[in-house]
Amino acid sequence: EGVFYPKGGVRAIPEAFKKLADELGVQFVPDTEVVGFDRGSNGLSSVSDARGNRFSADRYVFNWDRVSVEKWLGR
């Protein structure tokens, strides 16, 4: 009573986000060590990984805390 949970348990939440992201064309690159950032006039323009690959995107999602990201990239 008064407790809410998603159908399928809490595991259903990230699965729903992943499904939506896939439908929107989001590209996931798991287990990739980012070693460099390139800044353009409008902010972050690309990231580079440890294998020498460069990824450009309209938006980036970081799995870091905000303070660390701002320290590396600025506000």
N, C-alpha and C. Protein backbone atom coordinates (compact mmCIF):
# COMPACT_ATOMS: atom_id res chain seq x y z
N GLU A 1 0.84 -1.18 0.00
CA GLU A 1 0.00 0.00 0.00
C GLU A 1 0.88 1.24 0.00
N GLY A 2 0.72 2.03 -1.04
CA GLY A 2 1.53 3.23 -1.15
C GLY A 2 2.90 2.98 -1.75
N VAL A 3 3.19 1.74 -2.14
CA VAL A 3 4.48 1.41 -2.74
C VAL A 3 4.27 1.21 -4.24
N PHE A 4 5.11 1.86 -5.02
CA PHE A 4 5.03 1.73 -6.46
C PHE A 4 6.27 1.02 -6.98
N TYR A 5 6.09 0.17 -7.96
CA TYR A 5 7.22 -0.47 -8.61
C TYR A 5 6.82 -0.77 -10.06
N PRO A 6 7.78 -0.76 -10.96
CA PRO A 6 7.45 -1.01 -12.36
C PRO A 6 7.15 -2.49 -12.61
N LYS A 7 6.32 -2.74 -13.59
CA LYS A 7 6.07 -4.12 -13.99
C LYS A 7 7.39 -4.69 -14.50
N GLY A 8 7.75 -5.84 -13.99
CA GLY A 8 9.03 -6.43 -14.35
C GLY A 8 10.13 -6.10 -13.35
N GLY A 9 9.81 -5.33 -12.31
CA GLY A 9 10.79 -4.97 -11.29
C GLY A 9 11.63 -3.77 -11.70
N VAL A 10 12.53 -3.37 -10.83
CA VAL A 10 13.35 -2.19 -11.10
C VAL A 10 14.27 -2.41 -12.30
N ARG A 11 14.52 -3.64 -12.63
CA ARG A 11 15.32 -3.96 -13.82
C ARG A 11 14.66 -3.43 -15.09
N ALA A 12 13.35 -3.28 -15.07
CA ALA A 12 12.62 -2.81 -16.26
C ALA A 12 12.94 -1.35 -16.58
N ILE A 13 13.39 -0.57 -15.62
CA ILE A 13 13.65 0.86 -15.85
C ILE A 13 14.81 1.06 -16.83
N PRO A 14 16.02 0.55 -16.54
CA PRO A 14 17.10 0.74 -17.51
C PRO A 14 16.83 0.04 -18.84
N GLU A 15 16.11 -1.07 -18.81
CA GLU A 15 15.77 -1.75 -20.07
C GLU A 15 14.86 -0.86 -20.92
N ALA A 16 13.93 -0.15 -20.31
CA ALA A 16 13.05 0.76 -21.04
C ALA A 16 13.84 1.94 -21.60
N PHE A 17 14.78 2.48 -20.82
CA PHE A 17 15.63 3.57 -21.32
C PHE A 17 16.47 3.10 -22.51
N LYS A 18 17.03 1.90 -22.43
CA LYS A 18 17.84 1.35 -23.52
C LYS A 18 16.99 1.16 -24.77
N LYS A 19 15.78 0.64 -24.61
CA LYS A 19 14.89 0.44 -25.75
C LYS A 19 14.57 1.77 -26.43
N LEU A 20 14.26 2.78 -25.64
CA LEU A 20 13.96 4.10 -26.19
C LEU A 20 15.19 4.68 -26.90
N ALA A 21 16.35 4.56 -26.28
CA ALA A 21 17.58 5.07 -26.89
C ALA A 21 17.84 4.39 -28.23
N ASP A 22 17.66 3.08 -28.29
CA ASP A 22 17.84 2.36 -29.55
C ASP A 22 16.87 2.86 -30.61
N GLU A 23 15.64 3.10 -30.22
CA GLU A 23 14.63 3.60 -31.16
C GLU A 23 14.98 5.00 -31.67
N LEU A 24 15.67 5.78 -30.84
CA LEU A 24 16.05 7.14 -31.22
C LEU A 24 17.39 7.18 -31.97
N GLY A 25 18.03 6.03 -32.12
CA GLY A 25 19.28 5.97 -32.88
C GLY A 25 20.53 6.24 -32.06
N VAL A 26 20.44 6.11 -30.76
CA VAL A 26 21.62 6.32 -29.91
C VAL A 26 22.60 5.17 -30.12
N GLN A 27 23.88 5.52 -30.25
CA GLN A 27 24.93 4.52 -30.39
C GLN A 27 25.63 4.37 -29.04
N PHE A 28 25.66 3.15 -28.53
CA PHE A 28 26.36 2.86 -27.28
C PHE A 28 27.71 2.24 -27.61
N VAL A 29 28.75 2.66 -26.88
CA VAL A 29 30.08 2.11 -27.06
C VAL A 29 30.58 1.70 -25.67
N PRO A 30 30.10 0.56 -25.18
CA PRO A 30 30.48 0.15 -23.82
C PRO A 30 31.93 -0.31 -23.73
N ASP A 31 32.45 -0.31 -22.53
CA ASP A 31 33.81 -0.78 -22.25
C ASP A 31 34.85 -0.07 -23.11
N THR A 32 34.67 1.24 -23.28
CA THR A 32 35.59 2.04 -24.07
C THR A 32 36.22 3.08 -23.16
N GLU A 33 37.54 3.08 -23.10
CA GLU A 33 38.25 4.04 -22.26
C GLU A 33 38.46 5.34 -23.04
N VAL A 34 37.83 6.40 -22.59
CA VAL A 34 38.00 7.71 -23.22
C VAL A 34 39.29 8.32 -22.68
N VAL A 35 40.15 8.75 -23.60
CA VAL A 35 41.44 9.32 -23.18
C VAL A 35 41.62 10.76 -23.64
N GLY A 36 40.69 11.26 -24.46
CA GLY A 36 40.84 12.63 -24.92
C GLY A 36 39.52 13.26 -25.33
N PHE A 37 39.48 14.59 -25.21
CA PHE A 37 38.30 15.37 -25.57
C PHE A 37 38.73 16.45 -26.55
N ASP A 38 37.91 16.72 -27.53
CA ASP A 38 38.15 17.82 -28.45
C ASP A 38 37.02 18.82 -28.28
N ARG A 39 37.39 20.07 -28.06
CA ARG A 39 36.39 21.12 -27.87
C ARG A 39 36.29 21.97 -29.13
N GLY A 40 35.05 22.29 -29.48
CA GLY A 40 34.79 23.20 -30.58
C GLY A 40 34.24 24.51 -30.03
N SER A 41 33.80 25.37 -30.90
CA SER A 41 33.27 26.67 -30.46
C SER A 41 31.97 26.53 -29.68
N ASN A 42 31.25 25.43 -29.90
CA ASN A 42 29.98 25.21 -29.21
C ASN A 42 30.06 24.14 -28.14
N GLY A 43 31.25 23.84 -27.65
CA GLY A 43 31.40 22.83 -26.61
C GLY A 43 32.15 21.61 -27.12
N LEU A 44 31.83 20.47 -26.59
CA LEU A 44 32.52 19.23 -26.91
C LEU A 44 32.21 18.81 -28.35
N SER A 45 33.24 18.57 -29.15
CA SER A 45 33.02 18.20 -30.54
C SER A 45 33.28 16.71 -30.80
N SER A 46 34.20 16.09 -30.03
CA SER A 46 34.44 14.66 -30.18
C SER A 46 35.21 14.14 -28.97
N VAL A 47 35.22 12.83 -28.85
CA VAL A 47 36.03 12.16 -27.82
C VAL A 47 36.89 11.11 -28.52
N SER A 48 38.03 10.82 -27.93
CA SER A 48 38.95 9.81 -28.47
C SER A 48 39.10 8.69 -27.46
N ASP A 49 39.20 7.46 -27.96
CA ASP A 49 39.37 6.34 -27.06
C ASP A 49 40.82 5.85 -27.06
N ALA A 50 41.11 4.88 -26.21
CA ALA A 50 42.47 4.37 -26.05
C ALA A 50 42.96 3.64 -27.29
N ARG A 51 42.05 3.22 -28.17
CA ARG A 51 42.44 2.51 -29.40
C ARG A 51 42.69 3.46 -30.57
N GLY A 52 42.53 4.77 -30.34
CA GLY A 52 42.76 5.75 -31.40
C GLY A 52 41.52 6.11 -32.20
N ASN A 53 40.36 5.59 -31.80
CA ASN A 53 39.10 5.93 -32.47
C ASN A 53 38.61 7.28 -31.98
N ARG A 54 37.96 8.02 -32.87
CA ARG A 54 37.37 9.31 -32.49
C ARG A 54 35.87 9.21 -32.74
N PHE A 55 35.10 9.69 -31.76
CA PHE A 55 33.64 9.64 -31.84
C PHE A 55 33.09 11.07 -31.79
N SER A 56 32.30 11.42 -32.79
CA SER A 56 31.63 12.72 -32.81
C SER A 56 30.14 12.48 -32.63
N ALA A 57 29.48 13.40 -31.94
CA ALA A 57 28.04 13.24 -31.70
C ALA A 57 27.41 14.59 -31.43
N ASP A 58 26.09 14.62 -31.51
CA ASP A 58 25.34 15.82 -31.15
C ASP A 58 25.28 16.00 -29.64
N ARG A 59 25.23 14.89 -28.91
CA ARG A 59 25.13 14.90 -27.46
C ARG A 59 26.00 13.77 -26.90
N TYR A 60 26.47 13.97 -25.68
CA TYR A 60 27.27 12.96 -25.01
C TYR A 60 26.67 12.69 -23.64
N VAL A 61 26.74 11.44 -23.20
CA VAL A 61 26.28 11.06 -21.87
C VAL A 61 27.49 10.53 -21.12
N PHE A 62 27.75 11.14 -19.97
CA PHE A 62 28.89 10.73 -19.16
C PHE A 62 28.41 9.97 -17.93
N ASN A 63 29.14 8.93 -17.61
CA ASN A 63 28.85 8.16 -16.41
C ASN A 63 29.80 8.59 -15.30
N TRP A 64 30.00 9.90 -15.19
CA TRP A 64 30.84 10.50 -14.16
C TRP A 64 30.02 11.52 -13.40
N ASP A 65 30.51 11.93 -12.28
CA ASP A 65 29.83 12.98 -11.54
C ASP A 65 30.05 14.33 -12.21
N ARG A 66 29.14 15.24 -11.99
CA ARG A 66 29.16 16.55 -12.64
C ARG A 66 30.43 17.34 -12.32
N VAL A 67 30.89 17.27 -11.09
CA VAL A 67 32.08 18.03 -10.69
C VAL A 67 33.30 17.60 -11.50
N SER A 68 33.48 16.30 -11.69
CA SER A 68 34.62 15.80 -12.47
C SER A 68 34.51 16.22 -13.93
N VAL A 69 33.32 16.10 -14.51
CA VAL A 69 33.13 16.48 -15.92
C VAL A 69 33.42 17.97 -16.10
N GLU A 70 32.93 18.81 -15.20
CA GLU A 70 33.19 20.24 -15.30
C GLU A 70 34.67 20.56 -15.12
N LYS A 71 35.38 19.78 -14.31
CA LYS A 71 36.81 20.00 -14.11
C LYS A 71 37.56 19.71 -15.41
N TRP A 72 37.15 18.65 -16.14
CA TRP A 72 37.83 18.29 -17.37
C TRP A 72 37.42 19.16 -18.55
N LEU A 73 36.14 19.51 -18.61
CA LEU A 73 35.63 20.19 -19.81
C LEU A 73 35.23 21.63 -19.61
N GLY A 74 35.16 22.06 -18.37
CA GLY A 74 34.63 23.40 -18.09
C GLY A 74 33.11 23.36 -18.03
N ARG A 75 32.55 24.49 -17.70
CA ARG A 75 31.09 24.53 -17.59
C ARG A 75 30.48 24.40 -18.91
